[in-house]
Amino acid sequence: MALPAAPLGGEWRKSSYSAGNGNACVRLRLIDGGVAVGDSKRPDLAPLRCTRAAVAAFLQAATAAALVQSGSR
């Protein structure tokens, strides 16, 4: 599913684990039909636009991989 390239509204959100300077993080913004993912170090680049289902699947896979690496699984 292709997400529209409409202008982004709202505010970027970043992890509370991000460095205090705010310029070294991945940031997210809700958009119609999904989520925009941007790099705070390169705000000149267009953000990646993903469906909410794709972001949820990515986060689930990343969490599972972290658990396997830590031996918690």
N, C-alpha and C. Protein backbone atom coordinates (compact mmCIF):
# COMPACT_ATOMS: atom_id res chain seq x y z
N MET A 1 0.84 -1.18 0.00
CA MET A 1 0.00 0.00 0.00
C MET A 1 0.88 1.24 0.00
N ALA A 2 0.69 2.10 -0.97
CA ALA A 2 1.46 3.33 -1.05
C ALA A 2 0.80 4.41 -0.20
N LEU A 3 1.60 5.07 0.59
CA LEU A 3 1.08 6.17 1.42
C LEU A 3 1.24 7.48 0.67
N PRO A 4 0.31 8.41 0.86
CA PRO A 4 0.37 9.68 0.13
C PRO A 4 1.60 10.49 0.52
N ALA A 5 2.09 11.26 -0.43
CA ALA A 5 3.24 12.12 -0.19
C ALA A 5 2.79 13.50 0.26
N ALA A 6 1.67 13.56 0.91
CA ALA A 6 1.13 14.84 1.38
C ALA A 6 2.06 15.47 2.40
N PRO A 7 2.01 16.78 2.55
CA PRO A 7 2.84 17.44 3.56
C PRO A 7 2.55 16.87 4.94
N LEU A 8 3.58 16.86 5.76
CA LEU A 8 3.45 16.32 7.11
C LEU A 8 2.90 17.38 8.05
N GLY A 9 1.94 16.98 8.87
CA GLY A 9 1.42 17.86 9.90
C GLY A 9 1.79 17.29 11.25
N GLY A 10 1.58 18.04 12.30
CA GLY A 10 1.86 17.54 13.64
C GLY A 10 3.32 17.69 14.02
N GLU A 11 3.68 17.01 15.08
CA GLU A 11 5.04 17.11 15.61
C GLU A 11 5.76 15.78 15.53
N TRP A 12 7.09 15.86 15.38
CA TRP A 12 7.92 14.67 15.44
C TRP A 12 8.00 14.21 16.89
N ARG A 13 8.07 12.90 17.07
CA ARG A 13 8.28 12.30 18.40
C ARG A 13 9.57 11.51 18.35
N LYS A 14 10.33 11.58 19.43
CA LYS A 14 11.56 10.80 19.49
C LYS A 14 11.60 10.02 20.79
N SER A 15 12.47 9.04 20.83
CA SER A 15 12.59 8.18 22.00
C SER A 15 13.07 8.96 23.22
N SER A 16 12.57 8.58 24.38
CA SER A 16 13.06 9.17 25.62
C SER A 16 14.49 8.71 25.90
N TYR A 17 14.96 7.69 25.19
CA TYR A 17 16.33 7.20 25.34
C TYR A 17 17.30 7.97 24.44
N SER A 18 16.79 8.87 23.63
CA SER A 18 17.63 9.63 22.71
C SER A 18 18.55 10.58 23.48
N ALA A 19 19.67 10.88 22.90
CA ALA A 19 20.61 11.82 23.52
C ALA A 19 19.93 13.18 23.71
N GLY A 20 20.33 13.90 24.73
CA GLY A 20 19.70 15.18 25.08
C GLY A 20 19.81 16.26 24.03
N ASN A 21 20.78 16.14 23.10
CA ASN A 21 20.94 17.20 22.11
C ASN A 21 19.88 17.15 21.01
N GLY A 22 19.13 16.06 20.93
CA GLY A 22 18.02 15.96 19.99
C GLY A 22 18.40 15.77 18.55
N ASN A 23 19.69 15.64 18.24
CA ASN A 23 20.11 15.53 16.84
C ASN A 23 20.75 14.19 16.51
N ALA A 24 20.42 13.16 17.25
CA ALA A 24 20.99 11.84 16.97
C ALA A 24 19.94 10.78 17.21
N CYS A 25 18.81 10.93 16.55
CA CYS A 25 17.75 9.95 16.81
C CYS A 25 16.90 9.72 15.57
N VAL A 26 16.19 8.61 15.64
CA VAL A 26 15.13 8.35 14.68
C VAL A 26 13.89 8.96 15.28
N ARG A 27 13.12 9.64 14.48
CA ARG A 27 11.90 10.28 15.00
C ARG A 27 10.71 9.83 14.18
N LEU A 28 9.55 9.85 14.81
CA LEU A 28 8.32 9.36 14.19
C LEU A 28 7.27 10.46 14.19
N ARG A 29 6.40 10.41 13.20
CA ARG A 29 5.27 11.33 13.12
C ARG A 29 4.09 10.58 12.53
N LEU A 30 2.95 10.67 13.18
CA LEU A 30 1.74 10.04 12.65
C LEU A 30 1.29 10.77 11.40
N ILE A 31 0.92 10.02 10.39
CA ILE A 31 0.37 10.58 9.15
C ILE A 31 -0.88 9.79 8.79
N ASP A 32 -1.64 10.30 7.83
CA ASP A 32 -2.83 9.55 7.38
C ASP A 32 -2.41 8.18 6.89
N GLY A 33 -2.93 7.13 7.50
CA GLY A 33 -2.67 5.77 7.07
C GLY A 33 -1.39 5.17 7.57
N GLY A 34 -0.61 5.90 8.34
CA GLY A 34 0.65 5.31 8.79
C GLY A 34 1.50 6.20 9.65
N VAL A 35 2.82 6.02 9.47
CA VAL A 35 3.81 6.71 10.28
C VAL A 35 4.94 7.16 9.36
N ALA A 36 5.41 8.39 9.57
CA ALA A 36 6.60 8.87 8.87
C ALA A 36 7.79 8.68 9.81
N VAL A 37 8.90 8.18 9.26
CA VAL A 37 10.11 7.94 10.03
C VAL A 37 11.20 8.84 9.46
N GLY A 38 11.78 9.67 10.32
CA GLY A 38 12.80 10.61 9.86
C GLY A 38 14.08 10.51 10.67
N ASP A 39 15.15 11.03 10.11
CA ASP A 39 16.46 11.06 10.77
C ASP A 39 16.72 12.49 11.21
N SER A 40 16.85 12.71 12.52
CA SER A 40 17.03 14.07 13.03
C SER A 40 18.36 14.68 12.57
N LYS A 41 19.33 13.85 12.21
CA LYS A 41 20.60 14.37 11.72
C LYS A 41 20.50 14.85 10.27
N ARG A 42 19.50 14.38 9.56
CA ARG A 42 19.33 14.74 8.14
C ARG A 42 17.89 15.16 7.86
N PRO A 43 17.46 16.27 8.46
CA PRO A 43 16.07 16.71 8.24
C PRO A 43 15.79 17.12 6.79
N ASP A 44 16.86 17.28 5.99
CA ASP A 44 16.69 17.64 4.58
C ASP A 44 16.21 16.46 3.74
N LEU A 45 16.36 15.24 4.26
CA LEU A 45 15.93 14.06 3.51
C LEU A 45 14.45 13.79 3.75
N ALA A 46 13.79 13.30 2.72
CA ALA A 46 12.37 12.95 2.86
C ALA A 46 12.23 11.79 3.83
N PRO A 47 11.21 11.84 4.68
CA PRO A 47 11.02 10.73 5.62
C PRO A 47 10.49 9.49 4.91
N LEU A 48 10.77 8.35 5.51
CA LEU A 48 10.23 7.07 5.06
C LEU A 48 8.79 7.00 5.55
N ARG A 49 7.87 6.62 4.71
CA ARG A 49 6.46 6.53 5.09
C ARG A 49 6.06 5.06 5.14
N CYS A 50 5.60 4.62 6.30
CA CYS A 50 5.27 3.22 6.52
C CYS A 50 3.84 3.10 7.03
N THR A 51 3.21 1.98 6.73
CA THR A 51 1.90 1.72 7.31
C THR A 51 2.08 1.43 8.80
N ARG A 52 1.04 1.61 9.56
CA ARG A 52 1.12 1.31 11.00
C ARG A 52 1.39 -0.18 11.22
N ALA A 53 0.84 -1.02 10.36
CA ALA A 53 1.07 -2.46 10.48
C ALA A 53 2.55 -2.79 10.25
N ALA A 54 3.18 -2.12 9.30
CA ALA A 54 4.61 -2.36 9.03
C ALA A 54 5.46 -1.92 10.22
N VAL A 55 5.14 -0.80 10.83
CA VAL A 55 5.90 -0.33 11.99
C VAL A 55 5.70 -1.29 13.16
N ALA A 56 4.48 -1.74 13.37
CA ALA A 56 4.21 -2.69 14.46
C ALA A 56 4.99 -3.98 14.25
N ALA A 57 5.02 -4.49 13.02
CA ALA A 57 5.76 -5.72 12.73
C ALA A 57 7.26 -5.52 12.96
N PHE A 58 7.78 -4.37 12.55
CA PHE A 58 9.20 -4.07 12.78
C PHE A 58 9.52 -4.03 14.26
N LEU A 59 8.70 -3.34 15.05
CA LEU A 59 8.95 -3.23 16.48
C LEU A 59 8.85 -4.60 17.17
N GLN A 60 7.90 -5.42 16.73
CA GLN A 60 7.77 -6.77 17.30
C GLN A 60 9.01 -7.59 16.99
N ALA A 61 9.50 -7.52 15.75
CA ALA A 61 10.69 -8.28 15.36
C ALA A 61 11.93 -7.77 16.09
N ALA A 62 12.06 -6.47 16.23
CA ALA A 62 13.23 -5.90 16.94
C ALA A 62 13.21 -6.30 18.41
N THR A 63 12.05 -6.30 19.02
CA THR A 63 11.93 -6.70 20.43
C THR A 63 12.29 -8.17 20.59
N ALA A 64 11.79 -9.02 19.70
CA ALA A 64 12.07 -10.45 19.77
C ALA A 64 13.58 -10.70 19.59
N ALA A 65 14.21 -9.98 18.68
CA ALA A 65 15.65 -10.14 18.46
C ALA A 65 16.43 -9.70 19.68
N ALA A 66 16.01 -8.64 20.32
CA ALA A 66 16.69 -8.16 21.53
C ALA A 66 16.56 -9.17 22.66
N LEU A 67 15.40 -9.81 22.77
CA LEU A 67 15.21 -10.82 23.80
C LEU A 67 16.09 -12.05 23.55
N VAL A 68 16.21 -12.44 22.29
CA VAL A 68 17.04 -13.59 21.95
C VAL A 68 18.51 -13.28 22.26
N GLN A 69 18.97 -12.08 21.92
CA GLN A 69 20.36 -11.70 22.17
C GLN A 69 20.66 -11.63 23.66
N SER A 70 19.68 -11.21 24.46
CA SER A 70 19.92 -11.07 25.89
C SER A 70 19.74 -12.40 26.63
N GLY A 71 19.27 -13.42 25.92
CA GLY A 71 19.06 -14.71 26.55
C GLY A 71 17.78 -14.81 27.35
N SER A 72 16.88 -13.85 27.18
CA SER A 72 15.64 -13.84 27.93
C SER A 72 14.57 -14.72 27.31
N ARG A 73 14.86 -15.32 26.23
CA ARG A 73 13.85 -16.11 25.54
C ARG A 73 14.09 -17.57 25.64
